[in-house]
N, C-alpha and C. Protein backbone atom coordinates (compact mmCIF):
# COMPACT_ATOMS: atom_id res chain seq x y z
N MET A 1 108.35 99.44 135.76
CA MET A 1 108.58 97.98 135.80
C MET A 1 109.75 97.64 134.90
N SER A 2 110.74 97.00 135.43
CA SER A 2 111.93 96.66 134.64
C SER A 2 111.71 95.39 133.84
N VAL A 3 112.47 95.25 132.77
CA VAL A 3 112.42 94.06 131.92
C VAL A 3 113.66 93.24 132.20
N ARG A 4 113.51 92.03 132.69
CA ARG A 4 114.68 91.22 133.04
C ARG A 4 115.52 90.88 131.84
N ASN A 5 114.87 90.50 130.74
CA ASN A 5 115.60 90.17 129.52
C ASN A 5 115.23 91.19 128.46
N PRO A 6 116.12 92.15 128.16
CA PRO A 6 115.78 93.20 127.18
C PRO A 6 115.39 92.64 125.83
N THR A 7 115.87 91.46 125.46
CA THR A 7 115.53 90.88 124.16
C THR A 7 114.03 90.66 124.02
N GLN A 8 113.34 90.42 125.14
CA GLN A 8 111.90 90.18 125.07
C GLN A 8 111.16 91.37 124.47
N LYS A 9 111.69 92.58 124.69
CA LYS A 9 111.04 93.77 124.14
C LYS A 9 111.06 93.76 122.62
N LEU A 10 112.02 93.09 122.03
CA LEU A 10 112.15 93.10 120.58
C LEU A 10 111.03 92.36 119.89
N HIS A 11 110.29 91.51 120.63
CA HIS A 11 109.14 90.85 120.04
C HIS A 11 108.07 91.88 119.65
N MET A 12 108.08 93.03 120.32
CA MET A 12 107.01 94.01 120.12
C MET A 12 107.49 95.24 119.37
N LEU A 13 108.78 95.33 119.07
CA LEU A 13 109.34 96.55 118.51
C LEU A 13 109.92 96.32 117.12
N PRO A 14 109.74 97.30 116.21
CA PRO A 14 110.52 97.24 114.96
C PRO A 14 111.97 97.49 115.29
N LEU A 15 112.84 97.00 114.43
CA LEU A 15 114.26 97.13 114.72
C LEU A 15 114.81 98.44 114.16
N GLY A 16 114.65 99.51 114.93
CA GLY A 16 115.33 100.76 114.63
C GLY A 16 116.75 100.67 115.14
N ARG A 17 117.46 101.78 115.10
CA ARG A 17 118.87 101.76 115.49
C ARG A 17 119.04 101.36 116.96
N LYS A 18 118.19 101.87 117.84
CA LYS A 18 118.32 101.53 119.26
C LYS A 18 118.04 100.05 119.49
N GLU A 19 117.01 99.53 118.80
CA GLU A 19 116.67 98.13 118.97
C GLU A 19 117.76 97.22 118.39
N GLU A 20 118.34 97.64 117.26
CA GLU A 20 119.45 96.88 116.69
C GLU A 20 120.63 96.84 117.66
N ALA A 21 120.94 97.98 118.27
CA ALA A 21 122.05 98.03 119.22
C ALA A 21 121.78 97.12 120.42
N LEU A 22 120.53 97.11 120.89
CA LEU A 22 120.16 96.24 122.00
C LEU A 22 120.32 94.77 121.60
N LEU A 23 119.86 94.44 120.39
CA LEU A 23 119.95 93.06 119.93
C LEU A 23 121.41 92.63 119.76
N VAL A 24 122.23 93.51 119.19
CA VAL A 24 123.64 93.17 119.01
C VAL A 24 124.31 92.92 120.36
N GLY A 25 124.00 93.75 121.33
CA GLY A 25 124.56 93.55 122.66
C GLY A 25 124.19 92.19 123.23
N GLN A 26 122.93 91.80 123.05
CA GLN A 26 122.49 90.50 123.54
C GLN A 26 123.16 89.36 122.78
N LEU A 27 123.31 89.53 121.48
CA LEU A 27 123.98 88.50 120.66
C LEU A 27 125.42 88.32 121.11
N GLN A 28 126.11 89.41 121.31
CA GLN A 28 127.52 89.33 121.66
C GLN A 28 127.73 88.84 123.10
N GLN A 29 126.68 88.92 123.92
CA GLN A 29 126.75 88.37 125.27
C GLN A 29 126.32 86.90 125.31
N GLY A 30 125.88 86.39 124.16
CA GLY A 30 125.50 84.99 124.09
C GLY A 30 124.12 84.67 124.63
N VAL A 31 123.22 85.66 124.67
CA VAL A 31 121.85 85.41 125.12
C VAL A 31 121.16 84.48 124.12
N GLY A 32 120.61 83.38 124.63
CA GLY A 32 120.08 82.33 123.75
C GLY A 32 118.99 82.79 122.82
N GLU A 33 118.09 83.65 123.29
CA GLU A 33 116.95 84.07 122.47
C GLU A 33 117.34 85.08 121.41
N ALA A 34 118.50 85.69 121.54
CA ALA A 34 118.86 86.80 120.68
C ALA A 34 118.99 86.38 119.21
N PHE A 35 119.66 85.25 118.95
CA PHE A 35 119.83 84.84 117.56
C PHE A 35 118.49 84.44 116.94
N GLU A 36 117.63 83.80 117.74
CA GLU A 36 116.30 83.47 117.25
C GLU A 36 115.55 84.74 116.86
N MET A 37 115.70 85.80 117.67
CA MET A 37 115.04 87.06 117.36
C MET A 37 115.61 87.67 116.09
N LEU A 38 116.94 87.64 115.94
CA LEU A 38 117.56 88.15 114.72
C LEU A 38 117.04 87.41 113.50
N TYR A 39 116.99 86.09 113.59
CA TYR A 39 116.50 85.28 112.48
C TYR A 39 115.05 85.64 112.16
N HIS A 40 114.24 85.79 113.19
CA HIS A 40 112.82 86.12 113.01
C HIS A 40 112.66 87.43 112.23
N HIS A 41 113.48 88.42 112.53
CA HIS A 41 113.33 89.73 111.91
C HIS A 41 113.91 89.79 110.51
N PHE A 42 114.92 88.98 110.20
CA PHE A 42 115.65 89.16 108.95
C PHE A 42 115.50 88.04 107.94
N VAL A 43 114.94 86.90 108.32
CA VAL A 43 114.91 85.78 107.38
C VAL A 43 114.10 86.11 106.13
N GLY A 44 112.99 86.81 106.27
CA GLY A 44 112.18 87.15 105.10
C GLY A 44 112.92 88.06 104.14
N ARG A 45 113.65 89.01 104.68
CA ARG A 45 114.39 89.95 103.84
C ARG A 45 115.56 89.25 103.15
N VAL A 46 116.24 88.38 103.87
CA VAL A 46 117.35 87.64 103.28
C VAL A 46 116.85 86.71 102.18
N MET A 47 115.74 86.03 102.44
CA MET A 47 115.18 85.12 101.44
C MET A 47 114.72 85.88 100.20
N GLY A 48 114.10 87.04 100.40
CA GLY A 48 113.66 87.83 99.25
C GLY A 48 114.82 88.24 98.37
N LEU A 49 115.90 88.69 98.98
CA LEU A 49 117.09 89.07 98.22
C LEU A 49 117.69 87.87 97.51
N ALA A 50 117.80 86.74 98.21
CA ALA A 50 118.39 85.55 97.62
C ALA A 50 117.57 85.02 96.45
N ARG A 51 116.27 85.04 96.59
CA ARG A 51 115.40 84.59 95.49
C ARG A 51 115.56 85.49 94.28
N GLN A 52 115.64 86.80 94.52
CA GLN A 52 115.77 87.73 93.40
C GLN A 52 117.08 87.55 92.68
N LEU A 53 118.17 87.33 93.42
CA LEU A 53 119.48 87.22 92.79
C LEU A 53 119.72 85.85 92.17
N LEU A 54 119.27 84.79 92.83
CA LEU A 54 119.59 83.43 92.38
C LEU A 54 118.51 82.83 91.48
N ARG A 55 117.28 83.31 91.58
CA ARG A 55 116.18 82.85 90.71
C ARG A 55 115.91 81.35 90.86
N ASP A 56 116.21 80.83 92.02
CA ASP A 56 116.07 79.39 92.26
C ASP A 56 115.71 79.21 93.74
N PRO A 57 114.48 78.77 94.05
CA PRO A 57 114.05 78.67 95.46
C PRO A 57 114.97 77.82 96.32
N ALA A 58 115.42 76.68 95.79
CA ALA A 58 116.29 75.81 96.59
C ALA A 58 117.63 76.47 96.85
N ALA A 59 118.21 77.10 95.82
CA ALA A 59 119.48 77.79 95.99
C ALA A 59 119.33 78.97 96.94
N ALA A 60 118.17 79.65 96.90
CA ALA A 60 117.92 80.77 97.80
C ALA A 60 117.88 80.31 99.25
N GLU A 61 117.24 79.18 99.50
CA GLU A 61 117.19 78.64 100.86
C GLU A 61 118.60 78.30 101.36
N ASP A 62 119.40 77.70 100.49
CA ASP A 62 120.78 77.38 100.87
C ASP A 62 121.57 78.65 101.17
N ALA A 63 121.37 79.69 100.35
CA ALA A 63 122.08 80.95 100.55
C ALA A 63 121.66 81.62 101.84
N ALA A 64 120.36 81.56 102.15
CA ALA A 64 119.88 82.15 103.40
C ALA A 64 120.47 81.42 104.60
N GLN A 65 120.51 80.10 104.53
CA GLN A 65 121.10 79.31 105.61
C GLN A 65 122.57 79.67 105.80
N GLU A 66 123.31 79.78 104.70
CA GLU A 66 124.72 80.13 104.78
C GLU A 66 124.90 81.54 105.34
N THR A 67 124.00 82.44 104.97
CA THR A 67 124.07 83.81 105.48
C THR A 67 123.97 83.83 107.00
N PHE A 68 122.99 83.12 107.56
CA PHE A 68 122.80 83.16 109.00
C PHE A 68 123.90 82.40 109.74
N ILE A 69 124.47 81.40 109.10
CA ILE A 69 125.64 80.74 109.70
C ILE A 69 126.79 81.74 109.82
N ARG A 70 127.01 82.52 108.76
CA ARG A 70 128.10 83.50 108.79
C ARG A 70 127.81 84.61 109.79
N VAL A 71 126.55 85.02 109.87
CA VAL A 71 126.17 86.04 110.86
C VAL A 71 126.46 85.54 112.27
N TYR A 72 126.06 84.31 112.55
CA TYR A 72 126.27 83.73 113.88
C TYR A 72 127.76 83.66 114.22
N ARG A 73 128.55 83.26 113.23
CA ARG A 73 129.99 83.10 113.48
C ARG A 73 130.73 84.43 113.58
N SER A 74 130.15 85.48 113.00
CA SER A 74 130.89 86.75 112.90
C SER A 74 130.33 87.85 113.79
N ILE A 75 129.23 87.62 114.47
CA ILE A 75 128.56 88.71 115.20
C ILE A 75 129.47 89.32 116.27
N HIS A 76 130.38 88.54 116.81
CA HIS A 76 131.27 89.08 117.85
C HIS A 76 132.23 90.12 117.27
N ARG A 77 132.40 90.13 115.92
CA ARG A 77 133.28 91.12 115.29
C ARG A 77 132.53 92.36 114.82
N PHE A 78 131.21 92.35 114.96
CA PHE A 78 130.41 93.49 114.51
C PHE A 78 130.63 94.67 115.45
N ARG A 79 131.02 95.82 114.88
CA ARG A 79 131.35 96.99 115.70
C ARG A 79 130.39 98.16 115.48
N GLY A 80 129.39 97.96 114.67
CA GLY A 80 128.41 99.02 114.49
C GLY A 80 128.82 100.11 113.53
N ASP A 81 129.82 99.86 112.69
CA ASP A 81 130.19 100.86 111.69
C ASP A 81 129.07 101.08 110.68
N ALA A 82 128.27 100.07 110.45
CA ALA A 82 127.07 100.16 109.63
C ALA A 82 125.91 99.62 110.46
N ARG A 83 124.70 99.80 109.99
CA ARG A 83 123.56 99.23 110.68
C ARG A 83 123.62 97.70 110.60
N LEU A 84 123.04 97.06 111.58
CA LEU A 84 123.00 95.59 111.59
C LEU A 84 122.32 95.08 110.32
N SER A 85 121.21 95.71 109.93
CA SER A 85 120.50 95.28 108.73
C SER A 85 121.37 95.40 107.48
N THR A 86 122.15 96.48 107.39
CA THR A 86 123.05 96.66 106.25
C THR A 86 124.13 95.59 106.24
N TRP A 87 124.67 95.29 107.41
CA TRP A 87 125.71 94.27 107.54
C TRP A 87 125.19 92.90 107.10
N ILE A 88 123.96 92.57 107.52
CA ILE A 88 123.37 91.28 107.13
C ILE A 88 123.10 91.25 105.63
N HIS A 89 122.63 92.35 105.08
CA HIS A 89 122.42 92.41 103.63
C HIS A 89 123.74 92.23 102.88
N ARG A 90 124.81 92.78 103.43
CA ARG A 90 126.11 92.64 102.76
C ARG A 90 126.54 91.17 102.75
N ILE A 91 126.38 90.49 103.87
CA ILE A 91 126.73 89.07 103.93
C ILE A 91 125.88 88.28 102.94
N ALA A 92 124.57 88.52 102.94
CA ALA A 92 123.67 87.79 102.04
C ALA A 92 124.01 88.05 100.58
N THR A 93 124.29 89.30 100.25
CA THR A 93 124.63 89.64 98.86
C THR A 93 125.92 88.96 98.43
N ASN A 94 126.92 88.98 99.31
CA ASN A 94 128.19 88.31 98.98
C ASN A 94 128.00 86.81 98.78
N VAL A 95 127.18 86.19 99.63
CA VAL A 95 126.90 84.76 99.48
C VAL A 95 126.26 84.50 98.12
N CYS A 96 125.30 85.32 97.74
CA CYS A 96 124.58 85.11 96.48
C CYS A 96 125.48 85.38 95.27
N LEU A 97 126.25 86.46 95.31
CA LEU A 97 127.11 86.77 94.17
C LEU A 97 128.20 85.73 94.00
N THR A 98 128.70 85.19 95.12
CA THR A 98 129.68 84.10 95.03
C THR A 98 129.07 82.87 94.39
N GLU A 99 127.82 82.57 94.74
CA GLU A 99 127.14 81.42 94.15
C GLU A 99 126.90 81.63 92.65
N ILE A 100 126.54 82.86 92.27
CA ILE A 100 126.35 83.17 90.85
C ILE A 100 127.65 82.98 90.08
N GLU A 101 128.75 83.45 90.65
CA GLU A 101 130.06 83.28 90.00
C GLU A 101 130.42 81.79 89.89
N ARG A 102 130.14 81.03 90.93
CA ARG A 102 130.43 79.59 90.90
C ARG A 102 129.63 78.91 89.81
N ARG A 103 128.36 79.28 89.70
CA ARG A 103 127.52 78.67 88.66
C ARG A 103 128.02 79.06 87.27
N GLY A 104 128.46 80.31 87.14
CA GLY A 104 128.98 80.75 85.85
C GLY A 104 130.20 79.96 85.44
N ARG A 105 131.09 79.69 86.41
CA ARG A 105 132.29 78.91 86.10
C ARG A 105 131.94 77.49 85.69
N ARG A 106 130.84 76.97 86.25
CA ARG A 106 130.44 75.60 85.95
C ARG A 106 129.46 75.53 84.78
N GLY A 107 129.11 76.69 84.22
CA GLY A 107 128.20 76.72 83.09
C GLY A 107 126.77 76.41 83.44
N ILE A 108 126.38 76.68 84.71
CA ILE A 108 125.01 76.42 85.15
C ILE A 108 124.18 77.66 84.93
N ASP A 109 123.04 77.53 84.28
CA ASP A 109 122.11 78.64 84.06
C ASP A 109 120.73 78.20 84.51
N VAL A 110 120.25 78.76 85.60
CA VAL A 110 118.94 78.38 86.13
C VAL A 110 117.90 79.32 85.55
N GLU A 111 116.97 78.77 84.81
CA GLU A 111 115.90 79.58 84.25
C GLU A 111 114.84 79.85 85.30
N PRO A 112 114.36 81.10 85.43
CA PRO A 112 113.32 81.39 86.40
C PRO A 112 112.06 80.59 86.11
N SER A 113 111.44 80.05 87.17
CA SER A 113 110.23 79.25 87.00
C SER A 113 108.97 80.08 87.12
N HIS A 114 109.12 81.40 87.44
CA HIS A 114 107.94 82.20 87.72
C HIS A 114 107.61 83.16 86.57
N LEU A 115 108.24 83.01 85.41
CA LEU A 115 108.06 83.98 84.35
C LEU A 115 106.69 83.84 83.70
N PRO A 116 105.95 84.94 83.56
CA PRO A 116 104.67 84.89 82.87
C PRO A 116 104.87 84.81 81.37
N ASP A 117 103.83 84.42 80.66
CA ASP A 117 103.87 84.35 79.21
C ASP A 117 103.82 85.77 78.65
N ARG A 118 104.89 86.18 77.96
CA ARG A 118 104.95 87.55 77.47
C ARG A 118 104.24 87.71 76.13
N THR A 119 103.62 86.65 75.60
CA THR A 119 102.91 86.78 74.33
C THR A 119 101.43 87.03 74.57
N GLY A 120 100.99 87.09 75.81
CA GLY A 120 99.59 87.32 76.13
C GLY A 120 99.27 88.79 76.22
N PRO A 121 98.15 89.15 76.88
CA PRO A 121 97.74 90.54 77.01
C PRO A 121 98.74 91.34 77.83
N THR A 122 98.68 92.67 77.67
CA THR A 122 99.55 93.54 78.45
C THR A 122 99.32 93.30 79.92
N PRO A 123 100.35 93.11 80.75
CA PRO A 123 100.18 92.73 82.14
C PRO A 123 99.56 93.83 82.98
N SER A 124 98.83 93.43 84.01
CA SER A 124 98.25 94.36 84.96
C SER A 124 98.13 93.65 86.29
N GLY A 125 98.03 94.43 87.40
CA GLY A 125 97.88 93.83 88.71
C GLY A 125 99.05 92.95 89.07
N THR A 126 98.74 91.71 89.47
CA THR A 126 99.79 90.77 89.86
C THR A 126 100.74 90.51 88.71
N ASP A 127 100.21 90.41 87.49
CA ASP A 127 101.06 90.16 86.33
C ASP A 127 102.05 91.30 86.10
N LEU A 128 101.65 92.53 86.49
CA LEU A 128 102.55 93.66 86.34
C LEU A 128 103.76 93.48 87.24
N ARG A 129 103.52 93.01 88.48
CA ARG A 129 104.63 92.76 89.39
C ARG A 129 105.51 91.64 88.87
N LEU A 130 104.91 90.61 88.29
CA LEU A 130 105.69 89.53 87.71
C LEU A 130 106.53 90.02 86.54
N SER A 131 105.96 90.95 85.76
CA SER A 131 106.71 91.49 84.64
C SER A 131 107.92 92.26 85.11
N LEU A 132 107.81 92.97 86.25
CA LEU A 132 108.97 93.64 86.81
C LEU A 132 110.04 92.62 87.17
N THR A 133 109.61 91.48 87.71
CA THR A 133 110.56 90.42 88.03
C THR A 133 111.25 89.92 86.77
N VAL A 134 110.50 89.80 85.68
CA VAL A 134 111.08 89.41 84.40
C VAL A 134 112.17 90.39 83.99
N LEU A 135 111.88 91.68 84.12
CA LEU A 135 112.85 92.70 83.73
C LEU A 135 114.09 92.63 84.60
N LEU A 136 113.90 92.47 85.91
CA LEU A 136 115.05 92.37 86.81
C LEU A 136 115.90 91.15 86.48
N ASP A 137 115.26 90.07 86.07
CA ASP A 137 116.00 88.86 85.71
C ASP A 137 116.94 89.11 84.53
N ARG A 138 116.65 90.11 83.71
CA ARG A 138 117.48 90.39 82.54
C ARG A 138 118.70 91.25 82.88
N LEU A 139 118.74 91.79 84.10
CA LEU A 139 119.87 92.62 84.50
C LEU A 139 121.03 91.74 84.98
N GLU A 140 122.24 92.27 84.86
CA GLU A 140 123.38 91.56 85.44
C GLU A 140 123.26 91.64 86.97
N PRO A 141 123.84 90.67 87.68
CA PRO A 141 123.54 90.50 89.11
C PRO A 141 123.78 91.71 89.99
N ARG A 142 124.88 92.46 89.80
CA ARG A 142 125.15 93.58 90.68
C ARG A 142 124.17 94.72 90.45
N LYS A 143 123.72 94.92 89.21
CA LYS A 143 122.67 95.90 88.95
C LYS A 143 121.36 95.47 89.62
N ARG A 144 121.06 94.18 89.50
CA ARG A 144 119.84 93.64 90.12
C ARG A 144 119.88 93.83 91.63
N ALA A 145 121.04 93.55 92.22
CA ALA A 145 121.20 93.69 93.66
C ALA A 145 121.02 95.15 94.08
N ALA A 146 121.65 96.06 93.37
CA ALA A 146 121.55 97.48 93.73
C ALA A 146 120.11 97.96 93.64
N PHE A 147 119.42 97.60 92.56
CA PHE A 147 118.03 98.03 92.39
C PHE A 147 117.15 97.45 93.48
N TYR A 148 117.30 96.16 93.76
CA TYR A 148 116.47 95.50 94.75
C TYR A 148 116.70 96.11 96.14
N LEU A 149 117.96 96.29 96.50
CA LEU A 149 118.28 96.82 97.83
C LEU A 149 117.74 98.24 98.00
N CYS A 150 117.82 99.05 96.95
CA CYS A 150 117.37 100.43 97.03
C CYS A 150 115.86 100.54 96.98
N HIS A 151 115.23 99.91 95.98
CA HIS A 151 113.82 100.16 95.70
C HIS A 151 112.86 99.16 96.34
N VAL A 152 113.35 98.02 96.78
CA VAL A 152 112.50 97.05 97.47
C VAL A 152 112.81 97.05 98.97
N GLU A 153 114.08 96.95 99.32
CA GLU A 153 114.46 96.94 100.73
C GLU A 153 114.52 98.34 101.33
N GLY A 154 114.59 99.36 100.50
CA GLY A 154 114.57 100.73 101.01
C GLY A 154 115.89 101.22 101.57
N LEU A 155 117.00 100.59 101.20
CA LEU A 155 118.31 101.06 101.66
C LEU A 155 118.68 102.35 100.93
N SER A 156 119.39 103.22 101.61
CA SER A 156 119.89 104.44 100.99
C SER A 156 121.04 104.09 100.05
N ALA A 157 121.41 105.06 99.20
CA ALA A 157 122.54 104.83 98.30
C ALA A 157 123.81 104.56 99.09
N ALA A 158 123.98 105.23 100.22
CA ALA A 158 125.17 104.99 101.05
C ALA A 158 125.16 103.58 101.62
N GLU A 159 123.98 103.10 102.03
CA GLU A 159 123.89 101.74 102.57
C GLU A 159 124.12 100.70 101.48
N VAL A 160 123.57 100.95 100.29
CA VAL A 160 123.82 100.04 99.16
C VAL A 160 125.31 100.01 98.84
N ALA A 161 125.96 101.17 98.92
CA ALA A 161 127.41 101.23 98.68
C ALA A 161 128.17 100.37 99.68
N THR A 162 127.72 100.39 100.93
CA THR A 162 128.36 99.55 101.95
C THR A 162 128.15 98.07 101.63
N VAL A 163 126.94 97.71 101.22
CA VAL A 163 126.64 96.32 100.89
C VAL A 163 127.50 95.84 99.73
N LEU A 164 127.62 96.66 98.69
CA LEU A 164 128.33 96.25 97.48
C LEU A 164 129.82 96.60 97.51
N ASP A 165 130.26 97.23 98.59
CA ASP A 165 131.66 97.63 98.74
C ASP A 165 132.08 98.53 97.58
N GLU A 166 131.26 99.54 97.32
CA GLU A 166 131.52 100.52 96.28
C GLU A 166 131.35 101.92 96.88
N SER A 167 131.72 102.94 96.12
CA SER A 167 131.49 104.30 96.58
C SER A 167 130.02 104.67 96.37
N ARG A 168 129.55 105.65 97.12
CA ARG A 168 128.17 106.11 96.97
C ARG A 168 127.94 106.64 95.56
N ASP A 169 128.90 107.39 95.01
CA ASP A 169 128.75 107.92 93.65
C ASP A 169 128.63 106.79 92.63
N ALA A 170 129.41 105.73 92.82
CA ALA A 170 129.35 104.59 91.90
C ALA A 170 127.98 103.94 91.95
N VAL A 171 127.42 103.83 93.15
CA VAL A 171 126.10 103.24 93.30
C VAL A 171 125.03 104.12 92.65
N LEU A 172 125.12 105.43 92.86
CA LEU A 172 124.15 106.33 92.24
C LEU A 172 124.18 106.22 90.72
N LYS A 173 125.39 106.15 90.15
CA LYS A 173 125.51 106.00 88.70
C LYS A 173 124.95 104.65 88.25
N ARG A 174 125.23 103.59 89.04
CA ARG A 174 124.72 102.26 88.70
C ARG A 174 123.19 102.26 88.71
N LEU A 175 122.60 102.90 89.71
CA LEU A 175 121.14 102.95 89.81
C LEU A 175 120.53 103.74 88.66
N GLN A 176 121.16 104.84 88.27
CA GLN A 176 120.68 105.61 87.13
C GLN A 176 120.70 104.79 85.85
N ARG A 177 121.82 104.10 85.62
CA ARG A 177 121.92 103.24 84.43
C ARG A 177 120.90 102.11 84.49
N THR A 178 120.68 101.57 85.66
CA THR A 178 119.74 100.46 85.81
C THR A 178 118.32 100.92 85.52
N ARG A 179 117.95 102.09 86.01
CA ARG A 179 116.60 102.61 85.73
C ARG A 179 116.39 102.82 84.24
N ARG A 180 117.41 103.37 83.56
CA ARG A 180 117.29 103.57 82.11
C ARG A 180 117.17 102.23 81.39
N GLU A 181 117.97 101.25 81.84
CA GLU A 181 117.93 99.94 81.21
C GLU A 181 116.58 99.26 81.44
N LEU A 182 116.04 99.39 82.66
CA LEU A 182 114.73 98.80 82.95
C LEU A 182 113.64 99.45 82.11
N LEU A 183 113.71 100.76 81.95
CA LEU A 183 112.71 101.45 81.12
C LEU A 183 112.77 100.95 79.68
N ALA A 184 113.98 100.80 79.15
CA ALA A 184 114.12 100.29 77.79
C ALA A 184 113.61 98.87 77.67
N LEU A 185 113.90 98.05 78.66
CA LEU A 185 113.41 96.67 78.66
C LEU A 185 111.90 96.62 78.78
N TRP A 186 111.34 97.51 79.62
CA TRP A 186 109.88 97.54 79.79
C TRP A 186 109.21 97.89 78.47
N ARG A 187 109.75 98.85 77.77
CA ARG A 187 109.18 99.22 76.47
C ARG A 187 109.27 98.06 75.49
N GLU A 188 110.37 97.33 75.55
CA GLU A 188 110.55 96.18 74.67
C GLU A 188 109.52 95.09 74.98
N VAL A 189 109.35 94.79 76.28
CA VAL A 189 108.40 93.75 76.68
C VAL A 189 106.97 94.18 76.37
N ALA A 190 106.65 95.47 76.65
CA ALA A 190 105.30 95.97 76.41
C ALA A 190 104.95 95.95 74.93
N ALA A 191 105.96 96.07 74.07
CA ALA A 191 105.71 96.08 72.62
C ALA A 191 105.51 94.69 72.06
N GLU A 192 105.94 93.67 72.77
CA GLU A 192 105.86 92.30 72.23
C GLU A 192 104.44 91.84 71.91
N PRO A 193 103.46 92.00 72.79
CA PRO A 193 102.11 91.56 72.45
C PRO A 193 101.54 92.27 71.24
N ALA A 194 101.77 93.61 71.13
CA ALA A 194 101.27 94.36 69.99
C ALA A 194 101.89 93.85 68.70
N ALA A 195 103.17 93.58 68.71
CA ALA A 195 103.85 93.06 67.52
C ALA A 195 103.29 91.70 67.15
N THR A 196 103.02 90.87 68.16
CA THR A 196 102.46 89.55 67.90
C THR A 196 101.10 89.66 67.24
N ARG A 197 100.27 90.61 67.79
CA ARG A 197 98.92 90.77 67.20
C ARG A 197 99.01 91.27 65.77
N ARG A 198 99.93 92.18 65.46
CA ARG A 198 100.06 92.70 64.09
C ARG A 198 100.52 91.58 63.15
N ALA A 199 101.40 90.71 63.63
CA ALA A 199 101.87 89.61 62.79
C ALA A 199 100.74 88.66 62.48
N VAL A 200 99.88 88.39 63.49
CA VAL A 200 98.75 87.50 63.29
C VAL A 200 97.78 88.08 62.28
N ARG A 201 97.49 89.42 62.42
CA ARG A 201 96.56 90.05 61.49
C ARG A 201 97.15 90.05 60.08
N GLY A 202 98.48 90.21 59.96
CA GLY A 202 99.09 90.25 58.65
C GLY A 202 99.00 88.93 57.92
N ARG A 203 98.92 87.81 58.66
CA ARG A 203 98.83 86.50 58.03
C ARG A 203 97.41 86.10 57.69
N SER A 204 96.42 86.84 58.25
CA SER A 204 95.02 86.45 58.03
C SER A 204 94.47 87.03 56.74
């Protein structure tokens, strides 16, 4: 049984390389459902990246919207040199890094609203995941982007290099430095409650 509109199959399939190629073909032919399908598959990933980099839900929504506008306007130039997912991540990352630079020039610093109280008990469960977010917030943006793309989105070092427009070796070195920095920060954060308790006992 043939499928009249190949895009319909994408409702039931994960987007592997063959499915991405099918979707790109439909997008470049102007099939109406194709962009809706692309948005459906990638909006969560784009929003997750934007929230992590910008630390501001409203700014993340704006960045995601700008990302998909750029994807829509540029899809006819996509030639498949990288995976569609990598290409979209590159656009989203560039949008976010440009916004971070703009805020820096204007002296805008958005404090994360999701930070847990680090003076309480040692984090566990959900709080442990929040504490990782705290640590990532302390990294400079390109380190944060590289770590998130590799360890959350699951991109390879070569794909991260494409997103950040760097060499694979540069990305591997950046990831190594980032892991060491995160470990040092984790030890610092983990030590804070113990130090607080010792200070309290010393005053009693």
